[in-house]
Amino acid sequence: MSGSVMMFPDTVEEFMESYKIVDSEQVYTNGDELVPIFRMRQWFDHVKRSPDDLRPVGKWVKNHDEVMWWWECSNCKEKPLISRFGDAEVLSAYCHRCGAKLEIPEGE
C-alpha cells in the first residue's frame, strides 16, 4: 500500500497560515480565523510537545488614554477578560483572543 506522508509546518505561525479557515460569511464567528481541531491534534502529535509549548508568549501591558487605563495583550493588543474577586481584578494567564500565554506583572 502506497501512501504519502503528511508534512506539517515547524512553527505555530506557519501552521496557522496553512490550516486556517476564515469565517468570511460569519456563520460561526464574527469573521475570525479558525483551525479545525483534528488538524491541531495531528500537529500536536507531530511535534510531540504540549499545547502550552506551542502558544505564543507575551505579557499584559498597562495602557491608558486621557480618561482611563486598561490592560492589553502585548501579542495582539486585545483587552483581557478580567475576573473580579470582591474589589480585586485578576488578570488571566492566557489571552482570550490570540491564546498567548501571558506573564502577569509583579504586584498585580
N, C-alpha and C. Protein backbone atom coordinates (compact mmCIF):
# COMPACT_ATOMS: atom_id res chain seq x y z
N MET A 1 0.85 -1.18 0.00
CA MET A 1 0.00 0.00 0.00
C MET A 1 0.88 1.23 0.00
N SER A 2 0.67 2.09 -0.93
CA SER A 2 1.48 3.29 -1.06
C SER A 2 0.70 4.48 -0.52
N GLY A 3 1.38 5.31 0.25
CA GLY A 3 0.71 6.49 0.80
C GLY A 3 1.70 7.61 0.95
N SER A 4 1.17 8.79 1.05
CA SER A 4 2.05 9.93 1.23
C SER A 4 2.11 10.30 2.71
N VAL A 5 3.20 10.87 3.11
CA VAL A 5 3.39 11.31 4.48
C VAL A 5 2.93 12.75 4.58
N MET A 6 2.12 13.03 5.58
CA MET A 6 1.63 14.39 5.77
C MET A 6 2.76 15.23 6.35
N MET A 7 3.04 16.34 5.72
CA MET A 7 4.11 17.23 6.18
C MET A 7 3.48 18.43 6.90
N PHE A 8 3.96 18.69 8.11
CA PHE A 8 3.44 19.81 8.88
C PHE A 8 4.48 20.91 8.97
N PRO A 9 4.04 22.15 9.08
CA PRO A 9 4.96 23.26 9.27
C PRO A 9 5.66 23.15 10.63
N ASP A 10 6.77 23.86 10.79
CA ASP A 10 7.55 23.80 12.03
C ASP A 10 7.12 24.81 13.08
N THR A 11 6.52 25.91 12.68
CA THR A 11 6.17 26.95 13.65
C THR A 11 4.67 27.12 13.75
N VAL A 12 4.23 27.70 14.87
CA VAL A 12 2.80 27.97 15.07
C VAL A 12 2.29 28.89 13.97
N GLU A 13 3.05 29.91 13.64
CA GLU A 13 2.62 30.87 12.63
C GLU A 13 2.41 30.20 11.28
N GLU A 14 3.36 29.34 10.87
CA GLU A 14 3.22 28.64 9.60
C GLU A 14 2.04 27.68 9.62
N PHE A 15 1.85 27.01 10.77
CA PHE A 15 0.73 26.08 10.91
C PHE A 15 -0.60 26.82 10.77
N MET A 16 -0.74 27.93 11.48
CA MET A 16 -1.98 28.71 11.43
C MET A 16 -2.26 29.19 10.01
N GLU A 17 -1.23 29.67 9.34
CA GLU A 17 -1.40 30.17 7.98
C GLU A 17 -1.80 29.04 7.02
N SER A 18 -1.23 27.86 7.21
CA SER A 18 -1.51 26.73 6.32
C SER A 18 -2.90 26.13 6.51
N TYR A 19 -3.39 26.10 7.76
CA TYR A 19 -4.62 25.36 8.04
C TYR A 19 -5.79 26.21 8.50
N LYS A 20 -5.64 27.52 8.50
CA LYS A 20 -6.74 28.36 8.97
C LYS A 20 -7.90 28.38 7.97
N ILE A 21 -9.07 28.58 8.52
CA ILE A 21 -10.28 28.76 7.74
C ILE A 21 -10.84 30.11 8.17
N VAL A 22 -11.09 30.99 7.24
CA VAL A 22 -11.66 32.29 7.58
C VAL A 22 -13.17 32.20 7.45
N ASP A 23 -13.85 32.54 8.53
CA ASP A 23 -15.31 32.50 8.56
C ASP A 23 -15.85 33.78 7.92
N SER A 24 -15.59 33.94 6.62
CA SER A 24 -15.93 35.18 5.92
C SER A 24 -17.44 35.42 5.84
N GLU A 25 -18.24 34.36 5.85
CA GLU A 25 -19.69 34.52 5.83
C GLU A 25 -20.25 34.72 7.24
N GLN A 26 -19.38 34.69 8.22
CA GLN A 26 -19.73 34.92 9.62
C GLN A 26 -20.82 33.98 10.10
N VAL A 27 -20.68 32.71 9.73
CA VAL A 27 -21.63 31.70 10.15
C VAL A 27 -21.37 31.30 11.61
N TYR A 28 -20.10 31.12 11.96
CA TYR A 28 -19.74 30.63 13.29
C TYR A 28 -19.13 31.72 14.18
N THR A 29 -18.55 32.73 13.58
CA THR A 29 -17.88 33.79 14.34
C THR A 29 -18.19 35.12 13.68
N ASN A 30 -17.52 36.15 14.16
CA ASN A 30 -17.68 37.48 13.55
C ASN A 30 -16.62 37.72 12.47
N GLY A 31 -16.23 36.66 11.77
CA GLY A 31 -15.24 36.78 10.70
C GLY A 31 -13.85 36.33 11.10
N ASP A 32 -13.71 35.70 12.26
CA ASP A 32 -12.41 35.26 12.75
C ASP A 32 -11.83 34.12 11.91
N GLU A 33 -10.55 33.85 12.17
CA GLU A 33 -9.87 32.72 11.56
C GLU A 33 -10.02 31.52 12.49
N LEU A 34 -10.27 30.36 11.94
CA LEU A 34 -10.45 29.13 12.70
C LEU A 34 -9.49 28.07 12.19
N VAL A 35 -9.12 27.13 13.06
CA VAL A 35 -8.33 25.97 12.66
C VAL A 35 -9.08 24.73 13.14
N PRO A 36 -9.36 23.77 12.27
CA PRO A 36 -10.07 22.57 12.69
C PRO A 36 -9.30 21.83 13.79
N ILE A 37 -10.03 21.40 14.82
CA ILE A 37 -9.39 20.76 15.97
C ILE A 37 -8.67 19.47 15.59
N PHE A 38 -9.15 18.72 14.59
CA PHE A 38 -8.46 17.49 14.22
C PHE A 38 -7.08 17.79 13.63
N ARG A 39 -6.94 18.93 12.93
CA ARG A 39 -5.62 19.31 12.42
C ARG A 39 -4.69 19.70 13.57
N MET A 40 -5.23 20.38 14.56
CA MET A 40 -4.41 20.76 15.72
C MET A 40 -3.91 19.51 16.44
N ARG A 41 -4.79 18.52 16.63
CA ARG A 41 -4.38 17.28 17.30
C ARG A 41 -3.30 16.56 16.49
N GLN A 42 -3.47 16.51 15.18
CA GLN A 42 -2.45 15.88 14.33
C GLN A 42 -1.11 16.59 14.48
N TRP A 43 -1.15 17.93 14.52
CA TRP A 43 0.10 18.67 14.62
C TRP A 43 0.75 18.48 15.98
N PHE A 44 -0.06 18.46 17.06
CA PHE A 44 0.49 18.22 18.40
C PHE A 44 1.19 16.87 18.44
N ASP A 45 0.56 15.86 17.83
CA ASP A 45 1.20 14.54 17.76
C ASP A 45 2.50 14.61 16.97
N HIS A 46 2.48 15.39 15.90
CA HIS A 46 3.65 15.51 15.04
C HIS A 46 4.84 16.16 15.77
N VAL A 47 4.58 17.25 16.46
CA VAL A 47 5.69 17.96 17.11
C VAL A 47 6.02 17.41 18.49
N LYS A 48 5.12 16.57 19.04
CA LYS A 48 5.34 15.91 20.33
C LYS A 48 5.72 16.89 21.43
N ARG A 49 4.99 17.98 21.47
CA ARG A 49 5.15 18.97 22.54
C ARG A 49 3.78 19.24 23.12
N SER A 50 3.76 19.81 24.29
CA SER A 50 2.47 20.13 24.89
C SER A 50 1.90 21.37 24.21
N PRO A 51 0.58 21.54 24.24
CA PRO A 51 -0.03 22.74 23.65
C PRO A 51 0.52 24.04 24.23
N ASP A 52 0.88 24.05 25.52
CA ASP A 52 1.46 25.27 26.11
C ASP A 52 2.78 25.63 25.46
N ASP A 53 3.57 24.62 25.04
CA ASP A 53 4.84 24.90 24.38
C ASP A 53 4.64 25.56 23.02
N LEU A 54 3.45 25.41 22.43
CA LEU A 54 3.18 25.92 21.10
C LEU A 54 2.53 27.29 21.11
N ARG A 55 2.11 27.75 22.27
CA ARG A 55 1.44 29.05 22.37
C ARG A 55 2.43 30.18 22.17
N PRO A 56 1.97 31.28 21.59
CA PRO A 56 2.81 32.48 21.62
C PRO A 56 2.92 32.93 23.07
N VAL A 57 3.97 33.65 23.38
CA VAL A 57 4.19 34.14 24.74
C VAL A 57 4.19 35.66 24.71
N GLY A 58 3.57 36.25 25.70
CA GLY A 58 3.53 37.71 25.79
C GLY A 58 3.40 38.14 27.23
N LYS A 59 2.92 39.34 27.43
CA LYS A 59 2.68 39.83 28.78
C LYS A 59 1.55 40.84 28.74
N TRP A 60 0.95 41.07 29.89
CA TRP A 60 -0.06 42.11 29.99
C TRP A 60 0.66 43.44 30.07
N VAL A 61 0.20 44.40 29.29
CA VAL A 61 0.79 45.73 29.24
C VAL A 61 -0.27 46.73 29.69
N LYS A 62 0.11 47.61 30.61
CA LYS A 62 -0.82 48.64 31.08
C LYS A 62 -0.82 49.77 30.07
N ASN A 63 -2.00 50.18 29.62
CA ASN A 63 -2.13 51.25 28.64
C ASN A 63 -3.15 52.26 29.16
N HIS A 64 -3.16 53.45 28.58
CA HIS A 64 -4.09 54.47 29.06
C HIS A 64 -4.34 55.53 28.01
N ASP A 65 -5.41 56.28 28.22
CA ASP A 65 -5.66 57.49 27.45
C ASP A 65 -5.97 58.60 28.45
N GLU A 66 -6.57 59.68 28.00
CA GLU A 66 -6.83 60.82 28.91
C GLU A 66 -7.86 60.48 29.97
N VAL A 67 -8.71 59.49 29.71
CA VAL A 67 -9.84 59.21 30.59
C VAL A 67 -9.63 58.01 31.50
N MET A 68 -9.03 56.95 30.99
CA MET A 68 -8.94 55.72 31.76
C MET A 68 -7.68 54.93 31.44
N TRP A 69 -7.43 53.88 32.22
CA TRP A 69 -6.33 52.96 31.93
C TRP A 69 -6.90 51.55 31.79
N TRP A 70 -6.15 50.67 31.13
CA TRP A 70 -6.57 49.28 30.92
C TRP A 70 -5.35 48.42 30.68
N TRP A 71 -5.55 47.12 30.74
CA TRP A 71 -4.52 46.14 30.40
C TRP A 71 -4.78 45.63 28.99
N GLU A 72 -3.71 45.30 28.25
CA GLU A 72 -3.88 44.67 26.95
C GLU A 72 -2.78 43.66 26.71
N CYS A 73 -3.05 42.70 25.85
CA CYS A 73 -2.09 41.65 25.49
C CYS A 73 -0.99 42.25 24.62
N SER A 74 0.27 41.98 24.94
CA SER A 74 1.38 42.51 24.14
C SER A 74 1.45 41.86 22.77
N ASN A 75 0.83 40.70 22.62
CA ASN A 75 0.88 39.97 21.36
C ASN A 75 -0.14 40.49 20.34
N CYS A 76 -1.40 40.71 20.78
CA CYS A 76 -2.45 41.10 19.82
C CYS A 76 -3.16 42.40 20.19
N LYS A 77 -2.77 43.01 21.32
CA LYS A 77 -3.35 44.30 21.79
C LYS A 77 -4.80 44.18 22.23
N GLU A 78 -5.28 42.95 22.45
CA GLU A 78 -6.65 42.73 22.92
C GLU A 78 -6.74 43.02 24.41
N LYS A 79 -7.83 43.59 24.83
CA LYS A 79 -8.08 43.80 26.26
C LYS A 79 -8.47 42.45 26.86
N PRO A 80 -8.00 42.14 28.06
CA PRO A 80 -8.21 40.81 28.65
C PRO A 80 -9.60 40.64 29.25
N LEU A 81 -9.92 39.39 29.49
CA LEU A 81 -11.05 39.09 30.34
C LEU A 81 -10.53 39.21 31.77
N ILE A 82 -11.16 40.01 32.57
CA ILE A 82 -10.71 40.21 33.94
C ILE A 82 -11.76 39.65 34.88
N SER A 83 -11.31 38.82 35.81
CA SER A 83 -12.19 38.29 36.83
C SER A 83 -12.19 39.24 38.01
N ARG A 84 -13.28 39.34 38.68
CA ARG A 84 -13.37 40.18 39.88
C ARG A 84 -13.61 39.29 41.09
N PHE A 85 -12.82 39.50 42.13
CA PHE A 85 -13.00 38.86 43.42
C PHE A 85 -13.12 39.98 44.43
N GLY A 86 -14.34 40.29 44.80
CA GLY A 86 -14.56 41.44 45.67
C GLY A 86 -14.16 42.70 44.91
N ASP A 87 -13.26 43.49 45.50
CA ASP A 87 -12.78 44.71 44.85
C ASP A 87 -11.56 44.47 43.96
N ALA A 88 -11.00 43.26 43.99
CA ALA A 88 -9.77 42.97 43.25
C ALA A 88 -10.08 42.50 41.83
N GLU A 89 -9.25 42.93 40.87
CA GLU A 89 -9.33 42.45 39.50
C GLU A 89 -8.18 41.45 39.28
N VAL A 90 -8.47 40.33 38.64
CA VAL A 90 -7.46 39.30 38.42
C VAL A 90 -7.28 39.10 36.92
N LEU A 91 -6.05 39.27 36.44
CA LEU A 91 -5.76 39.07 35.01
C LEU A 91 -5.64 37.59 34.71
N SER A 92 -6.09 37.20 33.53
CA SER A 92 -5.99 35.82 33.08
C SER A 92 -4.54 35.49 32.70
N ALA A 93 -4.16 34.22 32.80
CA ALA A 93 -2.82 33.79 32.41
C ALA A 93 -2.71 33.60 30.90
N TYR A 94 -3.86 33.67 30.18
CA TYR A 94 -3.88 33.49 28.74
C TYR A 94 -4.76 34.57 28.11
N CYS A 95 -4.40 35.00 26.91
CA CYS A 95 -5.23 35.95 26.17
C CYS A 95 -6.40 35.19 25.56
N HIS A 96 -7.62 35.69 25.74
CA HIS A 96 -8.78 35.02 25.18
C HIS A 96 -8.91 35.21 23.68
N ARG A 97 -8.15 36.12 23.10
CA ARG A 97 -8.22 36.40 21.65
C ARG A 97 -7.20 35.57 20.87
N CYS A 98 -5.90 35.71 21.23
CA CYS A 98 -4.85 35.04 20.44
C CYS A 98 -4.31 33.78 21.11
N GLY A 99 -4.69 33.53 22.38
CA GLY A 99 -4.24 32.33 23.07
C GLY A 99 -2.86 32.42 23.67
N ALA A 100 -2.22 33.57 23.58
CA ALA A 100 -0.86 33.72 24.11
C ALA A 100 -0.84 33.45 25.61
N LYS A 101 0.23 32.78 26.06
CA LYS A 101 0.46 32.60 27.48
C LYS A 101 1.08 33.90 27.97
N LEU A 102 0.42 34.54 28.93
CA LEU A 102 0.82 35.88 29.32
C LEU A 102 1.42 35.95 30.71
N GLU A 103 2.52 36.64 30.79
CA GLU A 103 3.18 36.91 32.07
C GLU A 103 2.37 37.97 32.79
N ILE A 104 2.04 37.71 34.02
CA ILE A 104 1.30 38.68 34.81
C ILE A 104 2.30 39.51 35.59
N PRO A 105 2.23 40.84 35.47
CA PRO A 105 3.18 41.72 36.14
C PRO A 105 3.19 41.53 37.65
N GLU A 106 4.37 41.67 38.25
CA GLU A 106 4.52 41.56 39.70
C GLU A 106 3.64 42.57 40.40
N GLY A 107 3.00 42.16 41.48
CA GLY A 107 2.21 43.06 42.29
C GLY A 107 0.83 43.36 41.74
N GLU A 108 0.44 42.68 40.67
CA GLU A 108 -0.89 42.93 40.09
C GLU A 108 -1.82 41.80 40.45
